[in-house]
Amino acid sequence: MMDAPDLTLTAIKMIISLGVILIGIIAIYFVTKRLSVRSFQHRKGGYIDIIENKYIGVKKSLCLVRVPGSILVLGLSGDRINCLAEIDSEKEFVDKLQQRKLNPENRQKQNFKQYLAGVFPKKSEQ
């Protein structure tokens, strides 16, 4: 007659095999995660720097990006990137924002379009 297989030995082999497979999957996950982070890290001395990013809606945001010589205000949506304004002098821009914060009564009298026109003057006015 045939002997019945030893179930405890078979179960132990199955659990060990499953453990080895799970450890392998976890190891592959951490290695790929670490490699992807290294490849996308910000390199020091790069020419493009994202100053700030603010979400204003679903798949819509405003982004301040510093490039050599100017700062760009970008409008980002799901399928488009638009340059909304270009700031040539960071110091003048910060000074204008400080003045507007100190004079809140001027802000209340203006609509949003007028406010932006004051902060981002047209190229012909500069």
Protein backbone atom coordinates (compact mmCIF):
# COMPACT_ATOMS: atom_id res chain seq x y z
CA MET A 1 0.00 0.00 0.00
CA MET A 2 0.99 3.58 -0.58
CA ASP A 3 1.73 5.77 2.36
CA ALA A 4 -0.08 9.10 2.64
CA PRO A 5 2.20 12.10 2.08
CA ASP A 6 3.36 13.93 5.16
CA LEU A 7 1.17 17.06 5.16
CA THR A 8 3.16 18.95 7.77
CA LEU A 9 6.39 18.67 5.74
CA THR A 10 4.56 19.72 2.57
CA ALA A 11 2.94 22.70 4.35
CA ILE A 12 6.32 23.84 5.72
CA LYS A 13 7.88 23.66 2.25
CA MET A 14 4.97 25.65 0.80
CA ILE A 15 5.21 28.36 3.49
CA ILE A 16 9.00 28.66 3.01
CA SER A 17 8.58 28.94 -0.77
CA LEU A 18 5.89 31.61 -0.36
CA GLY A 19 8.12 33.54 2.08
CA VAL A 20 11.05 33.49 -0.37
CA ILE A 21 8.81 34.78 -3.16
CA LEU A 22 7.37 37.56 -0.97
CA ILE A 23 10.85 38.64 0.19
CA GLY A 24 11.96 38.76 -3.45
CA ILE A 25 8.99 40.92 -4.46
CA ILE A 26 9.57 43.32 -1.55
CA ALA A 27 13.30 43.55 -2.37
CA ILE A 28 12.56 44.33 -6.04
CA TYR A 29 10.04 47.02 -4.98
CA PHE A 30 12.54 48.82 -2.72
CA VAL A 31 15.39 48.58 -5.26
CA THR A 32 13.27 50.04 -8.07
CA LYS A 33 11.89 52.74 -5.77
CA ARG A 34 15.39 53.75 -4.69
CA LEU A 35 16.71 53.83 -8.26
CA SER A 36 13.78 55.91 -9.51
CA VAL A 37 14.22 58.47 -6.70
CA ARG A 38 17.92 58.83 -7.53
CA SER A 39 17.26 59.36 -11.22
CA PHE A 40 14.64 62.08 -10.61
CA GLN A 41 16.38 63.94 -7.78
CA HIS A 42 17.08 67.62 -8.26
CA ARG A 43 20.65 68.08 -9.36
CA LYS A 44 22.58 70.84 -7.68
CA GLY A 45 23.65 73.55 -10.09
CA GLY A 46 20.67 73.01 -12.39
CA TYR A 47 19.28 75.89 -14.40
CA ILE A 48 15.59 75.43 -13.61
CA ASP A 49 14.17 75.79 -10.11
CA ILE A 50 10.50 75.40 -9.14
CA ILE A 51 9.86 78.07 -6.53
CA GLU A 52 6.26 77.28 -5.71
CA ASN A 53 3.31 75.29 -7.01
CA LYS A 54 -0.30 76.01 -5.96
CA TYR A 55 -3.26 73.88 -6.95
CA ILE A 56 -6.33 75.89 -7.90
CA GLY A 57 -8.61 73.13 -9.12
CA VAL A 58 -8.79 69.60 -10.43
CA LYS A 59 -5.71 69.13 -12.63
CA LYS A 60 -5.11 72.90 -12.59
CA SER A 61 -2.30 74.76 -10.86
CA LEU A 62 -0.13 77.86 -10.92
CA CYS A 63 3.63 77.44 -10.82
CA LEU A 64 6.49 79.89 -10.25
CA VAL A 65 9.63 78.72 -12.04
CA ARG A 66 13.03 80.41 -11.83
CA VAL A 67 15.12 80.21 -14.99
CA PRO A 68 18.33 82.16 -15.66
CA GLY A 69 17.42 85.83 -15.99
CA SER A 70 13.74 85.69 -15.04
CA ILE A 71 10.90 84.04 -13.19
CA LEU A 72 7.99 82.51 -15.12
CA VAL A 73 4.41 82.27 -13.90
CA LEU A 74 3.00 79.15 -15.56
CA GLY A 75 -0.59 77.97 -15.74
CA LEU A 76 -0.73 74.17 -15.74
CA SER A 77 -3.76 72.11 -16.69
CA GLY A 78 -4.34 68.50 -17.62
CA ASP A 79 -3.16 68.94 -21.21
CA ARG A 80 -1.59 72.41 -21.41
CA ILE A 81 1.16 74.59 -19.99
CA ASN A 82 0.76 78.34 -20.55
CA CYS A 83 3.21 81.11 -19.70
CA LEU A 84 1.03 83.66 -17.91
CA ALA A 85 3.73 86.18 -17.08
CA GLU A 86 7.47 86.70 -17.07
CA ILE A 87 9.11 88.53 -14.20
CA ASP A 88 12.46 90.05 -15.14
CA SER A 89 13.44 91.44 -11.75
CA GLU A 90 12.67 89.30 -8.73
CA LYS A 91 13.44 92.14 -6.31
CA GLU A 92 10.99 94.56 -7.97
CA PHE A 93 8.30 91.88 -8.01
CA VAL A 94 8.73 91.11 -4.30
CA ASP A 95 8.66 94.86 -3.53
CA LYS A 96 5.37 95.28 -5.44
CA LEU A 97 3.80 92.39 -3.57
CA GLN A 98 4.95 93.86 -0.24
CA GLN A 99 3.40 97.24 -1.14
CA ARG A 100 0.11 95.61 -2.05
CA LYS A 101 0.04 93.73 1.26
CA LEU A 102 0.62 96.99 3.14
CA ASN A 103 -2.22 98.77 1.28
CA PRO A 104 -5.23 96.43 1.51
CA GLU A 105 -7.71 99.22 0.68
CA ASN A 106 -6.30 99.40 -2.87
CA ARG A 107 -6.88 95.69 -3.33
CA GLN A 108 -10.55 95.91 -2.41
CA LYS A 109 -11.23 98.61 -5.03
CA GLN A 110 -9.68 96.57 -7.86
CA ASN A 111 -10.94 93.50 -9.61
CA PHE A 112 -8.62 90.55 -10.16
CA LYS A 113 -7.61 91.61 -13.67
CA GLN A 114 -6.58 95.07 -12.47
CA TYR A 115 -4.67 93.55 -9.56
CA LEU A 116 -2.69 91.27 -11.87
CA ALA A 117 -2.03 94.13 -14.29
CA GLY A 118 -0.46 96.07 -11.42
CA VAL A 119 1.70 93.16 -10.32
CA PHE A 120 2.70 92.07 -13.83
CA PRO A 121 3.16 95.21 -15.95
CA LYS A 122 3.15 94.77 -19.70
CA LYS A 123 6.48 94.74 -21.53
CA SER A 124 5.81 98.14 -23.12
CA GLU A 125 5.45 99.77 -19.66
CA GLN A 126 8.84 98.52 -18.43
